[in-house]
Amino acid sequence: MKSMLMSKGAKQVVEVCANIKENESVVIITEPKTMSIAESIASAVTAVGAEPTISIIMPRTSDSSEPPATVAAAMKESDVFISAVFTSITHTYAVKNAVENGSRGIMLTQFEDHMLIDSGVLADFPKAAPTCEAVGRALENAKEIHLTTTHGTDLKMSATGRKSNSMTGMVKSGQFAPVPTIEANVSPLEGSANGKIVANASIPYIGIGILKEQVVCTVEDGMITNIEGGFEAHILADNLASKNDPNVYNIAEIGVGLNPRCKFNGLMLEDEGVFGSVHIGIGSSITLGGTVKAACHYDLIMTETTLVADGVTIIENGNVLL
C-alpha cells in the first residue's frame, strides 16, 4: 500500500523535476537505507519509457564524500542521474563533472518514504519558479549581501562576479537541483564574509536536525572562527574539528528557501526549502560556483530573516518581497 502512495511523489520527481523522456538513460544512486526511494523512482522512470539503472553504493563516511569512480563515470555518461542517498554526495566532483558533461541531476538526499507521499515534493514547481529566479537575479554579482535576523544574525559578504543558482527543482541539461527544496543561492567570494551567524531553526546533519538551542558562529574573513551554544553547538564544533580540514569552516553559500509546501522536519532538503528561511552553507562550494572543496558541506538554517543585496530588500522579517 505504501508503494502505491509513494508513486505520486515519484511521478512528480521523474516527470516534472527531471523531465525524463522516453529512451533516456537514468542512473539512480542509492544506499541500502534509501533503497525503497530508489525503487519507487525506478518504477516511475520505467513508466515513461526510459531505462533506469540502480547503483547501490556503500554509505559514505561523511557528507560530500565522492561516490565510487565507476558510479561517477556512469553519472557523467547518463542523460539523467538521481541521487537517492542518505549521506550526501551533492557537493562532489562527480556531480560537477556530470552536469558539465550535459547530464541533469536530481538530489533526493536524506529522503524518507513519507516524503514521496506528502511533503514539499508535491509543490507546484512551475508556479514557484518565477520567484526563485527573481531572488537568484538579486543575489547574482551582488557587491554586498547583508543578512540579519531577529535572533541575532548579522552577516555581510560579497558575491561580486559570482553567478547565482536558481534551483527551481526542475532541471535542464547541465543542471542539478536538490528536491524538494526550491531555493536561490550564491557562493560568496572566498574571504569576504564577516559577522555573526545565529542558526535558530535547523542543522539537518550529523544527528542534529531541528534545533533546541541556538548555534552561534563568529565569521571572520570568510571562515567560521568560533562556535558557541549548547549541546548541539558542541556536536557541530566537534564534528568539524574531527575533519582535520580547515576548509570545512569556509562560508560556501547563502541560500533562500522558496518552497511554500516545505515544513521543518529535521531532514535536509525539506528544511532548506521552507519559504522565507535562509541557510548559510559551510565547507565545499565547488558545485555552487565557488572554489573550495572541503571534507563536508553543512547548512545552518535560520528564520525571521531580512536579506538585502545591493540595496534591494529580498526578504523582510521572513516575508519574501520579490
C-alpha atoms as a PDB file:
ATOM      1  CA  MET A   1       0.000   0.000   0.000  1.00  0.00           C
ATOM      2  CA  LYS A   2       2.799   2.400   0.871  1.00  0.00           C
ATOM      3  CA  SER A   3       4.407   1.938  -2.545  1.00  0.00           C
ATOM      4  CA  MET A   4       1.154   2.987  -4.187  1.00  0.00           C
ATOM      5  CA  LEU A   5       1.080   6.184  -2.124  1.00  0.00           C
ATOM      6  CA  MET A   6       4.749   6.870  -2.873  1.00  0.00           C
ATOM      7  CA  SER A   7       4.135   6.646  -6.604  1.00  0.00           C
ATOM      8  CA  LYS A   8       2.596  10.136  -6.715  1.00  0.00           C
ATOM      9  CA  GLY A   9       5.741  11.804  -5.422  1.00  0.00           C
ATOM     10  CA  ALA A  10       7.950   9.594  -7.579  1.00  0.00           C
ATOM     11  CA  LYS A  11       5.972  10.596 -10.657  1.00  0.00           C
ATOM     12  CA  GLN A  12       6.464  14.273  -9.747  1.00  0.00           C
ATOM     13  CA  VAL A  13      10.225  13.814  -9.399  1.00  0.00           C
ATOM     14  CA  VAL A  14      10.566  11.944 -12.675  1.00  0.00           C
ATOM     15  CA  GLU A  15       8.147  13.839 -14.906  1.00  0.00           C
ATOM     16  CA  VAL A  16       8.200  17.396 -13.508  1.00  0.00           C
ATOM     17  CA  CYS A  17      11.540  17.811 -11.751  1.00  0.00           C
ATOM     18  CA  ALA A  18      13.791  15.712 -14.002  1.00  0.00           C
ATOM     19  CA  ASN A  19      11.561  15.895 -17.114  1.00  0.00           C
ATOM     20  CA  ILE A  20      12.611  12.388 -18.105  1.00  0.00           C
ATOM     21  CA  LYS A  21      11.619  11.318 -21.597  1.00  0.00           C
ATOM     22  CA  GLU A  22      11.294   8.032 -23.447  1.00  0.00           C
ATOM     23  CA  ASN A  23      14.561   6.173 -24.166  1.00  0.00           C
ATOM     24  CA  GLU A  24      16.694   8.323 -21.876  1.00  0.00           C
ATOM     25  CA  SER A  25      19.279   6.607 -19.681  1.00  0.00           C
ATOM     26  CA  VAL A  26      18.773   7.278 -15.977  1.00  0.00           C
ATOM     27  CA  VAL A  27      21.283   6.377 -13.266  1.00  0.00           C
ATOM     28  CA  ILE A  28      19.796   6.148  -9.772  1.00  0.00           C
ATOM     29  CA  ILE A  29      22.401   6.202  -6.997  1.00  0.00           C
ATOM     30  CA  THR A  30      21.264   4.807  -3.664  1.00  0.00           C
ATOM     31  CA  GLU A  31      22.370   3.059  -0.490  1.00  0.00           C
ATOM     32  CA  PRO A  32      20.632   0.291   1.486  1.00  0.00           C
ATOM     33  CA  LYS A  33      18.840   2.735   3.811  1.00  0.00           C
ATOM     34  CA  THR A  34      17.117   4.523   0.914  1.00  0.00           C
ATOM     35  CA  MET A  35      16.502   1.569  -1.393  1.00  0.00           C
ATOM     36  CA  SER A  36      12.708   1.973  -1.220  1.00  0.00           C
ATOM     37  CA  ILE A  37      13.048   5.530  -2.590  1.00  0.00           C
ATOM     38  CA  ALA A  38      15.242   4.304  -5.450  1.00  0.00           C
ATOM     39  CA  GLU A  39      12.812   1.532  -6.356  1.00  0.00           C
ATOM     40  CA  SER A  40       9.867   3.930  -6.409  1.00  0.00           C
ATOM     41  CA  ILE A  41      11.786   6.333  -8.647  1.00  0.00           C
ATOM     42  CA  ALA A  42      12.855   3.468 -10.932  1.00  0.00           C
ATOM     43  CA  SER A  43       9.221   2.423 -11.386  1.00  0.00           C
ATOM     44  CA  ALA A  44       8.283   5.957 -12.399  1.00  0.00           C
ATOM     45  CA  VAL A  45      11.232   6.098 -14.816  1.00  0.00           C
ATOM     46  CA  THR A  46      10.110   2.848 -16.421  1.00  0.00           C
ATOM     47  CA  ALA A  47       6.564   4.180 -16.742  1.00  0.00           C
ATOM     48  CA  VAL A  48       7.703   6.980 -19.076  1.00  0.00           C
ATOM     49  CA  GLY A  49       9.662   4.579 -21.275  1.00  0.00           C
ATOM     50  CA  ALA A  50      13.150   5.477 -20.045  1.00  0.00           C
ATOM     51  CA  GLU A  51      15.743   2.994 -18.812  1.00  0.00           C
ATOM     52  CA  PRO A  52      16.746   3.096 -15.121  1.00  0.00           C
ATOM     53  CA  THR A  53      19.931   1.651 -13.681  1.00  0.00           C
ATOM     54  CA  ILE A  54      20.178   1.453  -9.896  1.00  0.00           C
ATOM     55  CA  SER A  55      23.687   1.728  -8.457  1.00  0.00           C
ATOM     56  CA  ILE A  56      23.853   0.748  -4.781  1.00  0.00           C
ATOM     57  CA  ILE A  57      26.842   2.265  -3.011  1.00  0.00           C
ATOM     58  CA  MET A  58      28.193   1.836   0.466  1.00  0.00           C
ATOM     59  CA  PRO A  59      27.060   4.749   2.655  1.00  0.00           C
ATOM     60  CA  ARG A  60      29.668   7.478   2.500  1.00  0.00           C
ATOM     61  CA  THR A  61      31.652   8.115   5.654  1.00  0.00           C
ATOM     62  CA  SER A  62      30.637  11.786   5.618  1.00  0.00           C
ATOM     63  CA  ASP A  63      28.628  14.251   3.573  1.00  0.00           C
ATOM     64  CA  SER A  64      30.380  15.457   0.409  1.00  0.00           C
ATOM     65  CA  SER A  65      32.491  12.291   0.079  1.00  0.00           C
ATOM     66  CA  GLU A  66      32.886  11.214  -3.537  1.00  0.00           C
ATOM     67  CA  PRO A  67      30.936   8.189  -4.819  1.00  0.00           C
ATOM     68  CA  PRO A  68      32.915   5.271  -6.320  1.00  0.00           C
ATOM     69  CA  ALA A  69      34.721   6.095  -9.573  1.00  0.00           C
ATOM     70  CA  THR A  70      32.571   3.646 -11.554  1.00  0.00           C
ATOM     71  CA  VAL A  71      29.399   5.362 -10.333  1.00  0.00           C
ATOM     72  CA  ALA A  72      30.833   8.796 -11.069  1.00  0.00           C
ATOM     73  CA  ALA A  73      31.592   7.640 -14.622  1.00  0.00           C
ATOM     74  CA  ALA A  74      28.018   6.369 -15.057  1.00  0.00           C
ATOM     75  CA  MET A  75      26.632   9.684 -13.805  1.00  0.00           C
ATOM     76  CA  LYS A  76      28.775  11.548 -16.322  1.00  0.00           C
ATOM     77  CA  GLU A  77      27.541   9.425 -19.246  1.00  0.00           C
ATOM     78  CA  SER A  78      23.852   9.434 -18.250  1.00  0.00           C
ATOM     79  CA  ASP A  79      21.086  11.627 -19.584  1.00  0.00           C
ATOM     80  CA  VAL A  80      19.819  11.974 -16.017  1.00  0.00           C
ATOM     81  CA  PHE A  81      21.196  10.990 -12.621  1.00  0.00           C
ATOM     82  CA  ILE A  82      19.083  10.846  -9.464  1.00  0.00           C
ATOM     83  CA  SER A  83      20.848  10.609  -6.130  1.00  0.00           C
ATOM     84  CA  ALA A  84      18.631   8.897  -3.543  1.00  0.00           C
ATOM     85  CA  VAL A  85      21.123   8.546  -0.710  1.00  0.00           C
ATOM     86  CA  PHE A  86      21.049   9.469   2.965  1.00  0.00           C
ATOM     87  CA  THR A  87      24.633  10.727   3.217  1.00  0.00           C
ATOM     88  CA  SER A  88      25.016  13.482   0.661  1.00  0.00           C
ATOM     89  CA  ILE A  89      27.116  13.229  -2.495  1.00  0.00           C
ATOM     90  CA  THR A  90      25.846  16.590  -3.771  1.00  0.00           C
ATOM     91  CA  HIS A  91      28.957  18.710  -3.286  1.00  0.00           C
ATOM     92  CA  THR A  92      31.331  16.434  -5.152  1.00  0.00           C
ATOM     93  CA  TYR A  93      33.381  16.404  -8.325  1.00  0.00           C
ATOM     94  CA  ALA A  94      31.159  13.526  -9.511  1.00  0.00           C
ATOM     95  CA  VAL A  95      28.165  15.868  -9.657  1.00  0.00           C
ATOM     96  CA  LYS A  96      30.190  18.772 -11.021  1.00  0.00           C
ATOM     97  CA  ASN A  97      31.670  16.662 -13.825  1.00  0.00           C
ATOM     98  CA  ALA A  98      28.324  15.068 -14.715  1.00  0.00           C
ATOM     99  CA  VAL A  99      26.496  18.355 -15.191  1.00  0.00           C
ATOM    100  CA  GLU A 100      29.436  19.855 -17.052  1.00  0.00           C
ATOM    101  CA  ASN A 101      29.092  16.903 -19.454  1.00  0.00           C
ATOM    102  CA  GLY A 102      25.435  17.777 -20.059  1.00  0.00           C
ATOM    103  CA  SER A 103      23.663  15.397 -17.706  1.00  0.00           C
ATOM    104  CA  ARG A 104      20.921  16.711 -15.466  1.00  0.00           C
ATOM    105  CA  GLY A 105      20.655  15.704 -11.852  1.00  0.00           C
ATOM    106  CA  ILE A 106      18.120  15.494  -9.050  1.00  0.00           C
ATOM    107  CA  MET A 107      19.358  15.131  -5.469  1.00  0.00           C
ATOM    108  CA  LEU A 108      16.998  13.337  -3.067  1.00  0.00           C
ATOM    109  CA  THR A 109      19.280  13.412  -0.046  1.00  0.00           C
ATOM    110  CA  GLN A 110      18.008  12.194   3.369  1.00  0.00           C
ATOM    111  CA  PHE A 111      14.687  11.139   1.850  1.00  0.00           C
ATOM    112  CA  GLU A 112      12.270   9.024   3.831  1.00  0.00           C
ATOM    113  CA  ASP A 113       9.284   7.172   2.390  1.00  0.00           C
ATOM    114  CA  HIS A 114       6.732   9.656   3.711  1.00  0.00           C
ATOM    115  CA  MET A 115       8.368  12.457   1.722  1.00  0.00           C
ATOM    116  CA  LEU A 116       7.152  10.866  -1.526  1.00  0.00           C
ATOM    117  CA  ILE A 117       3.662  10.748  -0.032  1.00  0.00           C
ATOM    118  CA  ASP A 118       3.223  14.223   1.462  1.00  0.00           C
ATOM    119  CA  SER A 119       5.985  16.837   1.517  1.00  0.00           C
ATOM    120  CA  GLY A 120       7.407  19.697  -0.486  1.00  0.00           C
ATOM    121  CA  VAL A 121       7.831  17.215  -3.352  1.00  0.00           C
ATOM    122  CA  LEU A 122       4.185  17.838  -4.236  1.00  0.00           C
ATOM    123  CA  ALA A 123       4.672  21.600  -4.667  1.00  0.00           C
ATOM    124  CA  ASP A 124       3.670  23.418  -7.830  1.00  0.00           C
ATOM    125  CA  PHE A 125       7.251  23.789  -9.066  1.00  0.00           C
ATOM    126  CA  PRO A 126       6.408  25.765 -12.251  1.00  0.00           C
ATOM    127  CA  LYS A 127       4.362  28.265 -10.223  1.00  0.00           C
ATOM    128  CA  ALA A 128       7.189  28.782  -7.717  1.00  0.00           C
ATOM    129  CA  ALA A 129       9.894  29.176 -10.358  1.00  0.00           C
ATOM    130  CA  PRO A 130       9.469  32.914 -11.176  1.00  0.00           C
ATOM    131  CA  THR A 131      10.020  33.925  -7.538  1.00  0.00           C
ATOM    132  CA  CYS A 132      13.063  31.660  -7.317  1.00  0.00           C
ATOM    133  CA  GLU A 133      14.521  33.159 -10.466  1.00  0.00           C
ATOM    134  CA  ALA A 134      13.865  36.726  -9.259  1.00  0.00           C
ATOM    135  CA  VAL A 135      15.699  36.065  -5.992  1.00  0.00           C
ATOM    136  CA  GLY A 136      18.534  34.466  -7.934  1.00  0.00           C
ATOM    137  CA  ARG A 137      18.876  37.571 -10.090  1.00  0.00           C
ATOM    138  CA  ALA A 138      19.051  39.773  -6.995  1.00  0.00           C
ATOM    139  CA  LEU A 139      21.850  37.679  -5.469  1.00  0.00           C
ATOM    140  CA  GLU A 140      23.923  37.364  -8.626  1.00  0.00           C
ATOM    141  CA  ASN A 141      27.015  39.572  -8.791  1.00  0.00           C
ATOM    142  CA  ALA A 142      25.884  41.459  -5.670  1.00  0.00           C
ATOM    143  CA  LYS A 143      28.671  43.617  -4.288  1.00  0.00           C
ATOM    144  CA  GLU A 144      27.235  43.461  -0.771  1.00  0.00           C
ATOM    145  CA  ILE A 145      24.790  40.954   0.685  1.00  0.00           C
ATOM    146  CA  HIS A 146      23.587  41.690   4.205  1.00  0.00           C
ATOM    147  CA  LEU A 147      21.707  39.085   6.241  1.00  0.00           C
ATOM    148  CA  THR A 148      20.133  39.837   9.618  1.00  0.00           C
ATOM    149  CA  THR A 149      17.574  38.032  11.771  1.00  0.00           C
ATOM    150  CA  THR A 150      15.600  38.823  14.901  1.00  0.00           C
ATOM    151  CA  HIS A 151      17.657  36.107  16.606  1.00  0.00           C
ATOM    152  CA  GLY A 152      20.937  37.973  16.207  1.00  0.00           C
ATOM    153  CA  THR A 153      22.415  37.025  12.832  1.00  0.00           C
ATOM    154  CA  ASP A 154      24.326  39.922  11.282  1.00  0.00           C
ATOM    155  CA  LEU A 155      26.454  38.804   8.350  1.00  0.00           C
ATOM    156  CA  LYS A 156      27.858  40.655   5.348  1.00  0.00           C
ATOM    157  CA  MET A 157      29.512  39.161   2.281  1.00  0.00           C
ATOM    158  CA  SER A 158      30.211  39.848  -1.389  1.00  0.00           C
ATOM    159  CA  ALA A 159      29.253  37.891  -4.494  1.00  0.00           C
ATOM    160  CA  THR A 160      30.950  40.203  -6.980  1.00  0.00           C
ATOM    161  CA  GLY A 161      31.476  38.310 -10.222  1.00  0.00           C
ATOM    162  CA  ARG A 162      29.615  35.233  -8.988  1.00  0.00           C
ATOM    163  CA  LYS A 163      26.698  33.633 -10.804  1.00  0.00           C
ATOM    164  CA  SER A 164      23.752  32.630  -8.670  1.00  0.00           C
ATOM    165  CA  ASN A 165      21.862  29.349  -8.784  1.00  0.00           C
ATOM    166  CA  SER A 166      18.088  29.447  -9.172  1.00  0.00           C
ATOM    167  CA  MET A 167      17.273  25.908  -8.096  1.00  0.00           C
ATOM    168  CA  THR A 168      13.619  25.691  -9.063  1.00  0.00           C
ATOM    169  CA  GLY A 169      13.509  21.931  -8.536  1.00  0.00           C
ATOM    170  CA  MET A 170      13.314  21.482 -12.314  1.00  0.00           C
ATOM    171  CA  VAL A 171      16.440  20.825 -14.374  1.00  0.00           C
ATOM    172  CA  LYS A 172      17.668  21.217 -17.909  1.00  0.00           C
ATOM    173  CA  SER A 173      20.813  19.760 -19.476  1.00  0.00           C
ATOM    174  CA  GLY A 174      23.867  20.778 -17.480  1.00  0.00           C
ATOM    175  CA  GLN A 175      21.952  21.491 -14.277  1.00  0.00           C
ATOM    176  CA  PHE A 176      21.325  19.765 -10.970  1.00  0.00           C
ATOM    177  CA  ALA A 177      18.770  20.567  -8.299  1.00  0.00           C
ATOM    178  CA  PRO A 178      18.060  19.372  -4.788  1.00  0.00           C
ATOM    179  CA  VAL A 179      14.428  18.345  -4.255  1.00  0.00           C
ATOM    180  CA  PRO A 180      12.061  19.202  -2.584  1.00  0.00           C
ATOM    181  CA  THR A 181      13.842  22.428  -1.693  1.00  0.00           C
ATOM    182  CA  ILE A 182      13.211  25.311  -4.052  1.00  0.00           C
ATOM    183  CA  GLU A 183      15.994  27.788  -3.425  1.00  0.00           C
ATOM    184  CA  ALA A 184      18.067  30.579  -4.889  1.00  0.00           C
ATOM    185  CA  ASN A 185      21.654  30.689  -3.730  1.00  0.00           C
ATOM    186  CA  VAL A 186      25.054  32.120  -4.471  1.00  0.00           C
ATOM    187  CA  SER A 187      28.544  31.223  -3.326  1.00  0.00           C
ATOM    188  CA  PRO A 188      30.139  34.363  -1.871  1.00  0.00           C
ATOM    189  CA  LEU A 189      33.697  35.323  -2.653  1.00  0.00           C
ATOM    190  CA  GLU A 190      36.115  33.403  -0.500  1.00  0.00           C
ATOM    191  CA  GLY A 191      37.263  35.544   2.398  1.00  0.00           C
ATOM    192  CA  SER A 192      34.508  38.147   2.023  1.00  0.00           C
ATOM    193  CA  ALA A 193      32.051  37.107   4.769  1.00  0.00           C
ATOM    194  CA  ASN A 194      32.218  38.767   8.179  1.00  0.00           C
ATOM    195  CA  GLY A 195      29.861  38.920  11.137  1.00  0.00           C
ATOM    196  CA  LYS A 196      27.752  36.506  13.136  1.00  0.00           C
ATOM    197  CA  ILE A 197      25.501  33.564  12.240  1.00  0.00           C
ATOM    198  CA  VAL A 198      22.771  32.577  14.679  1.00  0.00           C
ATOM    199  CA  ALA A 199      21.160  29.338  13.478  1.00  0.00           C
ATOM    200  CA  ASN A 200      17.810  29.020  15.230  1.00  0.00           C
ATOM    201  CA  ALA A 201      15.851  26.608  13.038  1.00  0.00           C
ATOM    202  CA  SER A 202      17.778  23.541  11.891  1.00  0.00           C
ATOM    203  CA  ILE A 203      21.144  21.994  11.135  1.00  0.00           C
ATOM    204  CA  PRO A 204      19.888  18.858   9.337  1.00  0.00           C
ATOM    205  CA  TYR A 205      23.122  16.865   9.532  1.00  0.00           C
ATOM    206  CA  ILE A 206      25.175  14.676  11.897  1.00  0.00           C
ATOM    207  CA  GLY A 207      22.163  13.863  14.050  1.00  0.00           C
ATOM    208  CA  ILE A 208      21.273  17.460  14.946  1.00  0.00           C
ATOM    209  CA  GLY A 209      18.100  18.287  12.976  1.00  0.00           C
ATOM    210  CA  ILE A 210      15.626  20.826  14.370  1.00  0.00           C
ATOM    211  CA  LEU A 211      17.457  22.976  16.888  1.00  0.00           C
ATOM    212  CA  LYS A 212      16.539  23.080  20.550  1.00  0.00           C
ATOM    213  CA  GLU A 213      19.076  25.847  21.224  1.00  0.00           C
ATOM    214  CA  GLN A 214      20.654  28.485  19.027  1.00  0.00           C
ATOM    215  CA  VAL A 215      24.047  27.789  17.468  1.00  0.00           C
ATOM    216  CA  VAL A 216      26.138  30.971  17.227  1.00  0.00           C
ATOM    217  CA  CYS A 217      29.080  31.171  14.817  1.00  0.00           C
ATOM    218  CA  THR A 218      31.579  34.029  14.552  1.00  0.00           C
ATOM    219  CA  VAL A 219      32.753  34.656  10.976  1.00  0.00           C
ATOM    220  CA  GLU A 220      35.981  36.447  10.101  1.00  0.00           C
ATOM    221  CA  ASP A 221      37.333  36.855   6.576  1.00  0.00           C
ATOM    222  CA  GLY A 222      35.143  34.129   5.149  1.00  0.00           C
ATOM    223  CA  MET A 223      35.775  31.498   7.817  1.00  0.00           C
ATOM    224  CA  ILE A 224      33.998  30.418  10.990  1.00  0.00           C
ATOM    225  CA  THR A 225      36.398  31.144  13.838  1.00  0.00           C
ATOM    226  CA  ASN A 226      34.235  30.263  16.848  1.00  0.00           C
ATOM    227  CA  ILE A 227      31.116  28.207  17.598  1.00  0.00           C
ATOM    228  CA  GLU A 228      29.079  28.764  20.753  1.00  0.00           C
ATOM    229  CA  GLY A 229      25.860  27.410  22.220  1.00  0.00           C
ATOM    230  CA  GLY A 230      24.656  24.297  23.960  1.00  0.00           C
ATOM    231  CA  PHE A 231      24.899  20.591  23.230  1.00  0.00           C
ATOM    232  CA  GLU A 232      24.088  20.931  19.518  1.00  0.00           C
ATOM    233  CA  ALA A 233      26.771  23.588  19.049  1.00  0.00           C
ATOM    234  CA  HIS A 234      29.280  21.193  20.607  1.00  0.00           C
ATOM    235  CA  ILE A 235      28.204  18.433  18.196  1.00  0.00           C
ATOM    236  CA  LEU A 236      28.852  20.737  15.238  1.00  0.00           C
ATOM    237  CA  ALA A 237      32.148  22.059  16.593  1.00  0.00           C
ATOM    238  CA  ASP A 238      33.471  18.590  17.431  1.00  0.00           C
ATOM    239  CA  ASN A 239      32.426  17.176  14.064  1.00  0.00           C
ATOM    240  CA  LEU A 240      34.115  19.969  12.118  1.00  0.00           C
ATOM    241  CA  ALA A 241      37.266  19.668  14.183  1.00  0.00           C
ATOM    242  CA  SER A 242      37.372  15.915  13.533  1.00  0.00           C
ATOM    243  CA  LYS A 243      37.641  16.506   9.766  1.00  0.00           C
ATOM    244  CA  ASN A 244      41.177  17.900  10.129  1.00  0.00           C
ATOM    245  CA  ASP A 245      40.412  20.170   7.187  1.00  0.00           C
ATOM    246  CA  PRO A 246      40.421  23.969   7.598  1.00  0.00           C
ATOM    247  CA  ASN A 247      38.173  24.319   4.544  1.00  0.00           C
ATOM    248  CA  VAL A 248      35.179  22.942   6.473  1.00  0.00           C
ATOM    249  CA  TYR A 249      34.888  26.391   8.108  1.00  0.00           C
ATOM    250  CA  ASN A 250      34.531  28.167   4.757  1.00  0.00           C
ATOM    251  CA  ILE A 251      31.396  30.244   4.154  1.00  0.00           C
ATOM    252  CA  ALA A 252      30.345  28.465   0.984  1.00  0.00           C
ATOM    253  CA  GLU A 253      26.782  29.575   0.285  1.00  0.00           C
ATOM    254  CA  ILE A 254      23.896  31.815   1.157  1.00  0.00           C
ATOM    255  CA  GLY A 255      20.580  30.282   0.105  1.00  0.00           C
ATOM    256  CA  VAL A 256      16.925  31.324   0.319  1.00  0.00           C
ATOM    257  CA  GLY A 257      14.193  28.709   0.823  1.00  0.00           C
ATOM    258  CA  LEU A 258      11.231  29.238  -1.530  1.00  0.00           C
ATOM    259  CA  ASN A 259       9.007  26.131  -1.422  1.00  0.00           C
ATOM    260  CA  PRO A 260       5.603  27.006   0.136  1.00  0.00           C
ATOM    261  CA  ARG A 261       4.911  23.327   0.925  1.00  0.00           C
ATOM    262  CA  CYS A 262       8.110  22.610   2.852  1.00  0.00           C
ATOM    263  CA  LYS A 263       7.966  22.340   6.635  1.00  0.00           C
ATOM    264  CA  PHE A 264      10.715  21.859   9.190  1.00  0.00           C
ATOM    265  CA  ASN A 265      11.108  18.150   9.958  1.00  0.00           C
ATOM    266  CA  GLY A 266      14.842  17.833  10.613  1.00  0.00           C
ATOM    267  CA  LEU A 267      15.615  16.439   7.155  1.00  0.00           C
ATOM    268  CA  MET A 268      17.946  18.367   4.912  1.00  0.00           C
ATOM    269  CA  LEU A 269      16.144  19.173   1.698  1.00  0.00           C
ATOM    270  CA  GLU A 270      12.773  19.777   3.321  1.00  0.00           C
ATOM    271  CA  ASP A 271      14.199  22.152   5.937  1.00  0.00           C
ATOM    272  CA  GLU A 272      16.284  24.126   3.435  1.00  0.00           C
ATOM    273  CA  GLY A 273      13.228  24.774   1.285  1.00  0.00           C
ATOM    274  CA  VAL A 274      10.992  26.333   3.952  1.00  0.00           C
ATOM    275  CA  PHE A 275       9.636  29.533   2.418  1.00  0.00           C
ATOM    276  CA  GLY A 276      11.422  32.650   3.666  1.00  0.00           C
ATOM    277  CA  SER A 277      14.123  30.776   5.551  1.00  0.00           C
ATOM    278  CA  VAL A 278      17.803  31.407   4.814  1.00  0.00           C
ATOM    279  CA  HIS A 279      20.645  28.949   5.126  1.00  0.00           C
ATOM    280  CA  ILE A 280      24.372  29.543   5.261  1.00  0.00           C
ATOM    281  CA  GLY A 281      26.277  26.653   3.735  1.00  0.00           C
ATOM    282  CA  ILE A 282      29.736  25.923   5.098  1.00  0.00           C
ATOM    283  CA  GLY A 283      32.538  23.831   3.610  1.00  0.00           C
ATOM    284  CA  SER A 284      32.529  22.797  -0.054  1.00  0.00           C
ATOM    285  CA  SER A 285      31.401  25.297  -2.676  1.00  0.00           C
ATOM    286  CA  ILE A 286      32.622  23.758  -5.957  1.00  0.00           C
ATOM    287  CA  THR A 287      29.147  22.803  -7.227  1.00  0.00           C
ATOM    288  CA  LEU A 288      27.699  26.224  -6.395  1.00  0.00           C
ATOM    289  CA  GLY A 289      30.198  28.450  -8.178  1.00  0.00           C
ATOM    290  CA  GLY A 290      32.897  28.707  -5.518  1.00  0.00           C
ATOM    291  CA  THR A 291      36.397  27.266  -5.500  1.00  0.00           C
ATOM    292  CA  VAL A 292      36.589  25.329  -2.227  1.00  0.00           C
ATOM    293  CA  LYS A 293      36.464  21.532  -1.867  1.00  0.00           C
ATOM    294  CA  ALA A 294      36.166  20.545   1.760  1.00  0.00           C
ATOM    295  CA  ALA A 295      35.576  17.353   3.707  1.00  0.00           C
ATOM    296  CA  CYS A 296      31.895  18.264   4.165  1.00  0.00           C
ATOM    297  CA  HIS A 297      29.131  20.734   3.380  1.00  0.00           C
ATOM    298  CA  TYR A 298      26.613  21.585   6.105  1.00  0.00           C
ATOM    299  CA  ASP A 299      23.812  24.150   6.175  1.00  0.00           C
ATOM    300  CA  LEU A 300      22.895  26.369   9.112  1.00  0.00           C
ATOM    301  CA  ILE A 301      19.231  27.379   8.766  1.00  0.00           C
ATOM    302  CA  MET A 302      17.525  30.401  10.274  1.00  0.00           C
ATOM    303  CA  THR A 303      14.106  32.073  10.214  1.00  0.00           C
ATOM    304  CA  GLU A 304      12.693  35.577  10.733  1.00  0.00           C
ATOM    305  CA  THR A 305      15.276  36.770   8.237  1.00  0.00           C
ATOM    306  CA  THR A 306      15.921  40.070   6.492  1.00  0.00           C
ATOM    307  CA  LEU A 307      18.094  39.886   3.398  1.00  0.00           C
ATOM    308  CA  VAL A 308      19.342  42.855   1.366  1.00  0.00           C
ATOM    309  CA  ALA A 309      21.536  42.654  -1.755  1.00  0.00           C
ATOM    310  CA  ASP A 310      22.976  45.906  -3.134  1.00  0.00           C
ATOM    311  CA  GLY A 311      20.162  47.892  -1.561  1.00  0.00           C
ATOM    312  CA  VAL A 312      17.382  45.593  -2.802  1.00  0.00           C
ATOM    313  CA  THR A 313      15.380  44.044   0.032  1.00  0.00           C
ATOM    314  CA  ILE A 314      14.743  40.415  -0.894  1.00  0.00           C
ATOM    315  CA  ILE A 315      13.227  39.296   2.430  1.00  0.00           C
ATOM    316  CA  GLU A 316      11.932  41.454   5.265  1.00  0.00           C
ATOM    317  CA  ASN A 317      11.364  39.657   8.579  1.00  0.00           C
ATOM    318  CA  GLY A 318      10.654  36.395   6.823  1.00  0.00           C
ATOM    319  CA  ASN A 319       8.421  37.847   4.099  1.00  0.00           C
ATOM    320  CA  VAL A 320       9.754  37.354   0.576  1.00  0.00           C
ATOM    321  CA  LEU A 321       9.251  40.626  -1.306  1.00  0.00           C
ATOM    322  CA  LEU A 322      10.406  39.721  -4.822  1.00  0.00           C
END
